[in-house]
Amino acid sequence: SGVESVSFAFTNNIAPFRFRKSLSKSRDSTSSIFVRTSCRIGAADKALQVIQDKLQYGIFPSTTGFNMIMQEFLKLKDFKSALKTFDQMESDEIEPSARSYHLAIQACCFEA
């Protein structure tokens, strides 16, 4: 499927370069592109898996990336995964924004 081909392409073509000093400035944009693309093709769950195994893939999203994933889970009415994403953000010591808290509160309200 499309998700597997994106994951395969990323793993084999982009991931090997993730720790090169010359590319350190491009990591943020690469992470954002990966998260945005994953959400657009309906693979927010795969994006969350990659983030949970971030050292292997070299994907270290910002607050915005986590928010994109939470928003996608909310659209899908997958409130537990939205909260799981928020928990991952906190465990990664990423500072939540006001938007992050808003999305987490929405997930809590609908989950109840």
Protein backbone atom coordinates (compact mmCIF):
# COMPACT_ATOMS: atom_id res chain seq x y z
CA SER A 1 0.00 0.00 0.00
CA GLY A 2 0.95 3.67 -0.13
CA VAL A 3 1.88 3.79 3.55
CA GLU A 4 4.33 0.91 3.28
CA SER A 5 5.94 2.39 0.17
CA VAL A 6 6.40 5.78 1.90
CA SER A 7 7.88 4.06 4.96
CA PHE A 8 10.15 1.92 2.78
CA ALA A 9 11.32 4.92 0.74
CA PHE A 10 12.00 6.91 3.88
CA THR A 11 13.85 4.11 5.63
CA ASN A 12 16.06 3.27 2.65
CA ASN A 13 16.67 6.70 1.16
CA ILE A 14 16.43 9.40 3.81
CA ALA A 15 17.04 7.73 7.17
CA PRO A 16 20.70 6.81 6.48
CA PHE A 17 21.54 10.52 6.35
CA ARG A 18 19.73 11.50 9.53
CA PHE A 19 22.74 11.96 11.78
CA ARG A 20 25.05 13.80 9.39
CA LYS A 21 26.09 17.17 10.77
CA SER A 22 25.59 18.81 7.39
CA LEU A 23 21.90 17.94 7.51
CA SER A 24 21.15 18.88 11.11
CA LYS A 25 19.34 22.06 10.07
CA SER A 26 17.10 20.18 7.66
CA ARG A 27 15.87 17.70 10.28
CA ASP A 28 13.04 19.96 11.48
CA SER A 29 11.68 20.50 7.99
CA THR A 30 12.11 16.82 7.12
CA SER A 31 10.15 15.86 10.24
CA SER A 32 7.38 18.31 9.40
CA ILE A 33 7.15 17.08 5.82
CA PHE A 34 7.04 13.46 6.96
CA VAL A 35 4.31 14.13 9.54
CA ARG A 36 2.24 16.29 7.16
CA THR A 37 2.48 13.70 4.37
CA SER A 38 1.64 10.84 6.71
CA CYS A 39 -1.46 12.66 7.91
CA ARG A 40 -2.55 13.52 4.36
CA ILE A 41 -2.43 9.88 3.26
CA GLY A 42 -4.27 8.68 6.35
CA ALA A 43 -1.24 7.26 8.12
CA ALA A 44 -1.18 9.24 11.36
CA ASP A 45 -0.81 5.95 13.23
CA LYS A 46 2.36 5.17 11.25
CA ALA A 47 3.70 8.67 11.93
CA LEU A 48 3.18 8.10 15.65
CA GLN A 49 5.00 4.75 15.42
CA VAL A 50 7.94 6.41 13.68
CA ILE A 51 8.05 9.13 16.36
CA GLN A 52 8.01 6.51 19.09
CA ASP A 53 11.05 4.93 17.43
CA LYS A 54 12.61 8.28 16.58
CA LEU A 55 16.22 7.25 17.08
CA GLN A 56 15.95 4.59 14.39
CA TYR A 57 14.30 6.92 11.89
CA GLY A 58 15.84 10.26 12.85
CA ILE A 59 12.44 11.96 13.01
CA PHE A 60 12.24 14.45 15.87
CA PRO A 61 9.07 16.50 15.36
CA SER A 62 8.38 19.85 16.91
CA THR A 63 5.24 20.86 18.76
CA THR A 64 3.65 21.59 15.38
CA GLY A 65 4.28 18.04 14.17
CA PHE A 66 2.72 16.52 17.25
CA ASN A 67 -0.24 18.88 16.89
CA MET A 68 -0.75 17.79 13.28
CA ILE A 69 -0.90 14.15 14.36
CA MET A 70 -3.29 14.89 17.24
CA GLN A 71 -5.55 16.88 14.94
CA GLU A 72 -5.62 14.03 12.43
CA PHE A 73 -6.57 11.53 15.14
CA LEU A 74 -9.35 13.86 16.28
CA LYS A 75 -10.69 14.02 12.70
CA LEU A 76 -10.72 10.22 12.68
CA LYS A 77 -12.45 10.18 16.09
CA ASP A 78 -9.51 8.18 17.47
CA PHE A 79 -9.38 10.04 20.76
CA LYS A 80 -7.17 7.52 22.56
CA SER A 81 -4.47 7.90 19.92
CA ALA A 82 -4.72 11.68 20.13
CA LEU A 83 -4.07 11.45 23.87
CA LYS A 84 -1.31 8.92 23.29
CA THR A 85 0.33 11.45 20.95
CA PHE A 86 0.10 14.13 23.63
CA ASP A 87 1.67 11.73 26.14
CA GLN A 88 4.49 11.02 23.68
CA MET A 89 5.08 14.75 23.29
CA GLU A 90 5.43 15.13 27.03
CA SER A 91 7.68 12.08 27.38
CA ASP A 92 9.90 13.51 24.62
CA GLU A 93 10.06 16.75 26.63
CA ILE A 94 8.55 18.79 23.81
CA GLU A 95 6.92 21.92 25.18
CA PRO A 96 3.17 21.76 24.44
CA SER A 97 1.62 24.89 22.99
CA ALA A 98 -1.80 26.33 23.76
CA ARG A 99 -2.98 24.47 20.65
CA SER A 100 -1.57 21.20 22.03
CA TYR A 101 -3.54 21.61 25.25
CA HIS A 102 -6.66 22.54 23.28
CA LEU A 103 -6.39 19.35 21.18
CA ALA A 104 -5.72 17.21 24.27
CA ILE A 105 -8.74 18.70 26.06
CA GLN A 106 -10.91 18.01 23.01
CA ALA A 107 -9.74 14.40 23.02
CA CYS A 108 -10.51 14.08 26.74
CA CYS A 109 -13.98 15.53 26.30
CA PHE A 110 -14.91 13.18 23.48
CA GLU A 111 -13.20 10.16 25.08
CA ALA A 112 -15.30 10.48 28.25
